Each structure stands twice: as C-alpha cells, then as structure tokens.
Amino acid sequence: MPTENGDQSAIDTYSEAWRAECEAREVLSWKLADRRKFLVKVEKHRGLEGRQKLEEELIKQWNLRTKQSNTSSQTQASTQKPRQTEFILSSS
C-alpha cells in the first residue's frame, strides 16, 4: 500500500525498504543498552552485513529525526547541547 513521504513521493509500504525504515525507527525508540543488545542479536541471526545495513538505516533515520528537530526548534535559544551520535554504536 503506497503512502507519501516528506518529499511527496510514493512509498511502497510492502517493500523491504519500508520494513527496514520501520524497524530502525522502532529500535531508535529504545534505550541505548537495548539497541546495542539488539544489534548483537541481529549480527548473530543476519550476519555482519545485516547488522551493518541496520546500522546504516539507524544513522539515516537518526539524521532525519535530528534534521526535523533542528528545523522545528530553530526559534529556541542556541544554548541547547548538541545531540550526541553515540546512539547505536557498540564497542564491537
């Protein structure tokens, strides 16, 4: 079932790309320790390539989230601390 993304292009919600985006958004909602544990499990079941693909999508979704957040909060004082990017990477 197609839907529209931010640039108004159609997205096939039955596609692997959509599944990967949804998985990454869900994982980003978890605590850091839980994300790290999940990445270990992903590597165990999908292999290193599967883990790397998920990490790439996590970074992509994180950047989209922070870009939207920064755009909507430009009117706030600039005293906010910058967001840290150690949100998914574990010491593997």
N, C-alpha and C. Protein backbone atom coordinates (compact mmCIF):
# COMPACT_ATOMS: atom_id res chain seq x y z
N MET A 1 0.85 -1.18 0.00
CA MET A 1 0.00 0.00 0.00
C MET A 1 0.89 1.24 0.00
N PRO A 2 0.86 2.04 -1.05
CA PRO A 2 1.71 3.23 -1.11
C PRO A 2 1.24 4.34 -0.17
N THR A 3 2.18 5.08 0.32
CA THR A 3 1.91 6.27 1.12
C THR A 3 2.88 7.35 0.67
N GLU A 4 2.81 8.52 1.27
CA GLU A 4 3.70 9.59 0.84
C GLU A 4 4.71 9.90 1.92
N ASN A 5 5.96 10.17 1.50
CA ASN A 5 6.96 10.59 2.47
C ASN A 5 7.10 12.10 2.41
N GLY A 6 8.11 12.64 3.08
CA GLY A 6 8.26 14.08 3.20
C GLY A 6 8.35 14.82 1.88
N ASP A 7 8.91 14.20 0.85
CA ASP A 7 9.03 14.89 -0.43
C ASP A 7 7.88 14.58 -1.38
N GLN A 8 6.81 14.03 -0.83
CA GLN A 8 5.57 13.74 -1.56
C GLN A 8 5.70 12.62 -2.60
N SER A 9 6.78 11.84 -2.56
CA SER A 9 6.87 10.71 -3.47
C SER A 9 6.24 9.49 -2.81
N ALA A 10 5.77 8.57 -3.64
CA ALA A 10 5.08 7.38 -3.12
C ALA A 10 6.08 6.40 -2.52
N ILE A 11 5.68 5.76 -1.44
CA ILE A 11 6.47 4.72 -0.80
C ILE A 11 5.64 3.46 -0.78
N ASP A 12 6.24 2.36 -1.21
CA ASP A 12 5.55 1.08 -1.16
C ASP A 12 5.71 0.50 0.24
N THR A 13 4.65 0.51 1.01
CA THR A 13 4.73 0.06 2.40
C THR A 13 4.83 -1.46 2.53
N TYR A 14 4.85 -2.18 1.42
CA TYR A 14 5.07 -3.61 1.45
C TYR A 14 6.50 -3.96 1.05
N SER A 15 7.34 -2.96 0.86
CA SER A 15 8.70 -3.19 0.39
C SER A 15 9.68 -3.46 1.53
N GLU A 16 10.81 -4.03 1.19
CA GLU A 16 11.89 -4.27 2.15
C GLU A 16 12.43 -2.94 2.68
N ALA A 17 12.50 -1.93 1.84
CA ALA A 17 13.00 -0.62 2.27
C ALA A 17 12.10 -0.03 3.36
N TRP A 18 10.80 -0.16 3.20
CA TRP A 18 9.86 0.35 4.21
C TRP A 18 10.00 -0.43 5.51
N ARG A 19 10.15 -1.76 5.40
CA ARG A 19 10.31 -2.59 6.58
C ARG A 19 11.57 -2.18 7.35
N ALA A 20 12.65 -1.93 6.62
CA ALA A 20 13.91 -1.54 7.26
C ALA A 20 13.78 -0.17 7.94
N GLU A 21 13.08 0.76 7.30
CA GLU A 21 12.85 2.08 7.90
C GLU A 21 12.04 1.96 9.18
N CYS A 22 10.99 1.17 9.15
CA CYS A 22 10.14 0.99 10.33
C CYS A 22 10.92 0.33 11.46
N GLU A 23 11.70 -0.68 11.11
CA GLU A 23 12.50 -1.36 12.13
C GLU A 23 13.47 -0.37 12.78
N ALA A 24 14.13 0.44 11.97
CA ALA A 24 15.09 1.40 12.50
C ALA A 24 14.41 2.44 13.39
N ARG A 25 13.26 2.93 12.98
CA ARG A 25 12.54 3.91 13.81
C ARG A 25 12.13 3.29 15.15
N GLU A 26 11.72 2.05 15.12
CA GLU A 26 11.33 1.36 16.35
C GLU A 26 12.55 1.19 17.26
N VAL A 27 13.64 0.72 16.71
CA VAL A 27 14.85 0.49 17.50
C VAL A 27 15.36 1.81 18.09
N LEU A 28 15.25 2.89 17.36
CA LEU A 28 15.68 4.19 17.87
C LEU A 28 14.86 4.65 19.07
N SER A 29 13.68 4.10 19.24
CA SER A 29 12.84 4.50 20.38
C SER A 29 13.26 3.79 21.67
N TRP A 30 14.16 2.81 21.55
CA TRP A 30 14.61 2.04 22.70
C TRP A 30 15.77 2.73 23.41
N LYS A 31 16.03 2.29 24.63
CA LYS A 31 17.20 2.75 25.37
C LYS A 31 18.47 2.27 24.67
N LEU A 32 19.56 3.01 24.85
CA LEU A 32 20.82 2.70 24.18
C LEU A 32 21.28 1.27 24.47
N ALA A 33 21.21 0.84 25.70
CA ALA A 33 21.65 -0.51 26.04
C ALA A 33 20.84 -1.57 25.29
N ASP A 34 19.54 -1.34 25.16
CA ASP A 34 18.68 -2.28 24.43
C ASP A 34 19.00 -2.29 22.94
N ARG A 35 19.32 -1.11 22.40
CA ARG A 35 19.70 -1.05 20.98
C ARG A 35 20.96 -1.85 20.73
N ARG A 36 21.92 -1.70 21.62
CA ARG A 36 23.19 -2.42 21.47
C ARG A 36 22.97 -3.93 21.55
N LYS A 37 22.16 -4.39 22.50
CA LYS A 37 21.86 -5.81 22.62
C LYS A 37 21.18 -6.33 21.34
N PHE A 38 20.27 -5.53 20.82
CA PHE A 38 19.55 -5.93 19.61
C PHE A 38 20.50 -6.05 18.43
N LEU A 39 21.44 -5.13 18.31
CA LEU A 39 22.41 -5.19 17.20
C LEU A 39 23.26 -6.46 17.28
N VAL A 40 23.59 -6.89 18.48
CA VAL A 40 24.34 -8.14 18.65
C VAL A 40 23.49 -9.31 18.15
N LYS A 41 22.20 -9.31 18.50
CA LYS A 41 21.30 -10.37 18.05
C LYS A 41 21.13 -10.35 16.53
N VAL A 42 21.02 -9.14 15.98
CA VAL A 42 20.88 -9.02 14.52
C VAL A 42 22.10 -9.62 13.84
N GLU A 43 23.28 -9.30 14.35
CA GLU A 43 24.51 -9.85 13.74
C GLU A 43 24.53 -11.37 13.85
N LYS A 44 24.07 -11.90 14.96
CA LYS A 44 24.04 -13.35 15.15
C LYS A 44 23.10 -14.02 14.15
N HIS A 45 21.94 -13.40 13.90
CA HIS A 45 20.93 -14.03 13.03
C HIS A 45 21.04 -13.63 11.56
N ARG A 46 21.47 -12.39 11.28
CA ARG A 46 21.53 -11.90 9.89
C ARG A 46 22.95 -11.77 9.37
N GLY A 47 23.92 -11.92 10.26
CA GLY A 47 25.31 -11.77 9.86
C GLY A 47 25.77 -10.32 9.97
N LEU A 48 27.07 -10.13 9.76
CA LEU A 48 27.65 -8.80 9.88
C LEU A 48 27.04 -7.83 8.87
N GLU A 49 26.80 -8.32 7.66
CA GLU A 49 26.21 -7.46 6.63
C GLU A 49 24.81 -6.98 7.05
N GLY A 50 24.03 -7.86 7.64
CA GLY A 50 22.70 -7.49 8.12
C GLY A 50 22.77 -6.43 9.21
N ARG A 51 23.72 -6.60 10.11
CA ARG A 51 23.90 -5.62 11.18
C ARG A 51 24.32 -4.27 10.59
N GLN A 52 25.25 -4.30 9.65
CA GLN A 52 25.72 -3.05 9.05
C GLN A 52 24.61 -2.33 8.30
N LYS A 53 23.77 -3.09 7.62
CA LYS A 53 22.63 -2.47 6.93
C LYS A 53 21.69 -1.80 7.93
N LEU A 54 21.42 -2.48 9.05
CA LEU A 54 20.55 -1.89 10.06
C LEU A 54 21.20 -0.65 10.66
N GLU A 55 22.50 -0.70 10.93
CA GLU A 55 23.19 0.47 11.48
C GLU A 55 23.12 1.64 10.52
N GLU A 56 23.28 1.37 9.22
CA GLU A 56 23.18 2.44 8.22
C GLU A 56 21.80 3.07 8.25
N GLU A 57 20.77 2.24 8.35
CA GLU A 57 19.39 2.76 8.38
C GLU A 57 19.14 3.50 9.69
N LEU A 58 19.70 3.03 10.79
CA LEU A 58 19.57 3.73 12.06
C LEU A 58 20.18 5.13 11.97
N ILE A 59 21.36 5.21 11.38
CA ILE A 59 22.01 6.52 11.22
C ILE A 59 21.19 7.42 10.32
N LYS A 60 20.66 6.86 9.23
CA LYS A 60 19.83 7.64 8.32
C LYS A 60 18.59 8.19 9.04
N GLN A 61 17.90 7.33 9.78
CA GLN A 61 16.69 7.76 10.48
C GLN A 61 17.03 8.74 11.59
N TRP A 62 18.15 8.54 12.28
CA TRP A 62 18.58 9.47 13.32
C TRP A 62 18.83 10.85 12.72
N ASN A 63 19.54 10.88 11.59
CA ASN A 63 19.82 12.15 10.93
C ASN A 63 18.55 12.84 10.47
N LEU A 64 17.60 12.08 9.95
CA LEU A 64 16.31 12.66 9.55
C LEU A 64 15.59 13.23 10.76
N ARG A 65 15.62 12.49 11.86
CA ARG A 65 14.95 12.93 13.09
C ARG A 65 15.60 14.21 13.63
N THR A 66 16.91 14.24 13.67
CA THR A 66 17.59 15.42 14.22
C THR A 66 17.45 16.61 13.27
N LYS A 67 17.40 16.35 11.96
CA LYS A 67 17.19 17.43 11.00
C LYS A 67 15.81 18.06 11.21
N GLN A 68 14.79 17.23 11.38
CA GLN A 68 13.44 17.73 11.62
C GLN A 68 13.38 18.45 12.95
N SER A 69 14.04 17.91 13.94
CA SER A 69 14.05 18.52 15.27
C SER A 69 14.74 19.87 15.23
N ASN A 70 15.87 19.95 14.53
CA ASN A 70 16.61 21.20 14.43
C ASN A 70 15.81 22.25 13.66
N THR A 71 15.11 21.83 12.62
CA THR A 71 14.30 22.75 11.84
C THR A 71 13.16 23.32 12.67
N SER A 72 12.53 22.46 13.47
CA SER A 72 11.38 22.92 14.25
C SER A 72 11.79 23.68 15.50
N SER A 73 13.04 23.55 15.91
CA SER A 73 13.46 24.23 17.13
C SER A 73 14.44 25.38 16.89
N GLN A 74 14.51 25.88 15.68
CA GLN A 74 15.43 26.97 15.37
C GLN A 74 15.07 28.24 16.13
N THR A 75 13.85 28.35 16.56
CA THR A 75 13.44 29.55 17.29
C THR A 75 13.82 29.48 18.76
N GLN A 76 14.25 28.28 19.23
CA GLN A 76 14.65 28.15 20.62
C GLN A 76 16.05 28.74 20.81
N ALA A 77 16.39 29.00 22.05
CA ALA A 77 17.72 29.55 22.36
C ALA A 77 18.80 28.58 21.91
N SER A 78 19.92 29.12 21.52
CA SER A 78 21.00 28.30 21.00
C SER A 78 21.87 27.72 22.12
N THR A 79 21.36 27.70 23.34
CA THR A 79 22.12 27.17 24.47
C THR A 79 21.94 25.67 24.63
N GLN A 80 21.14 25.05 23.76
CA GLN A 80 20.94 23.62 23.85
C GLN A 80 22.24 22.89 23.52
N LYS A 81 22.48 21.78 24.20
CA LYS A 81 23.64 20.97 23.92
C LYS A 81 23.42 20.25 22.59
N PRO A 82 24.47 20.08 21.81
CA PRO A 82 24.31 19.33 20.56
C PRO A 82 23.98 17.87 20.85
N ARG A 83 23.23 17.26 19.96
CA ARG A 83 22.87 15.85 20.14
C ARG A 83 24.10 14.98 19.91
N GLN A 84 24.22 13.98 20.73
CA GLN A 84 25.33 13.05 20.57
C GLN A 84 24.94 11.97 19.59
N THR A 85 25.92 11.49 18.85
CA THR A 85 25.63 10.46 17.86
C THR A 85 25.97 9.07 18.36
N GLU A 86 26.36 8.91 19.61
CA GLU A 86 26.62 7.59 20.15
C GLU A 86 25.30 6.95 20.56
N PHE A 87 24.44 6.79 19.59
CA PHE A 87 23.09 6.31 19.87
C PHE A 87 22.91 4.85 19.52
N ILE A 88 23.80 4.30 18.69
CA ILE A 88 23.64 2.89 18.32
C ILE A 88 24.92 2.12 18.37
N LEU A 89 26.03 2.78 18.29
CA LEU A 89 27.29 2.05 18.12
C LEU A 89 27.73 1.40 19.41
N SER A 90 28.03 0.15 19.31
CA SER A 90 28.52 -0.56 20.48
C SER A 90 30.01 -0.79 20.32
N SER A 91 30.62 -1.27 21.33
CA SER A 91 32.06 -1.50 21.29
C SER A 91 32.37 -2.88 20.75
N SER A 92 31.91 -3.14 19.54
CA SER A 92 32.15 -4.45 18.94
C SER A 92 33.37 -4.41 18.04
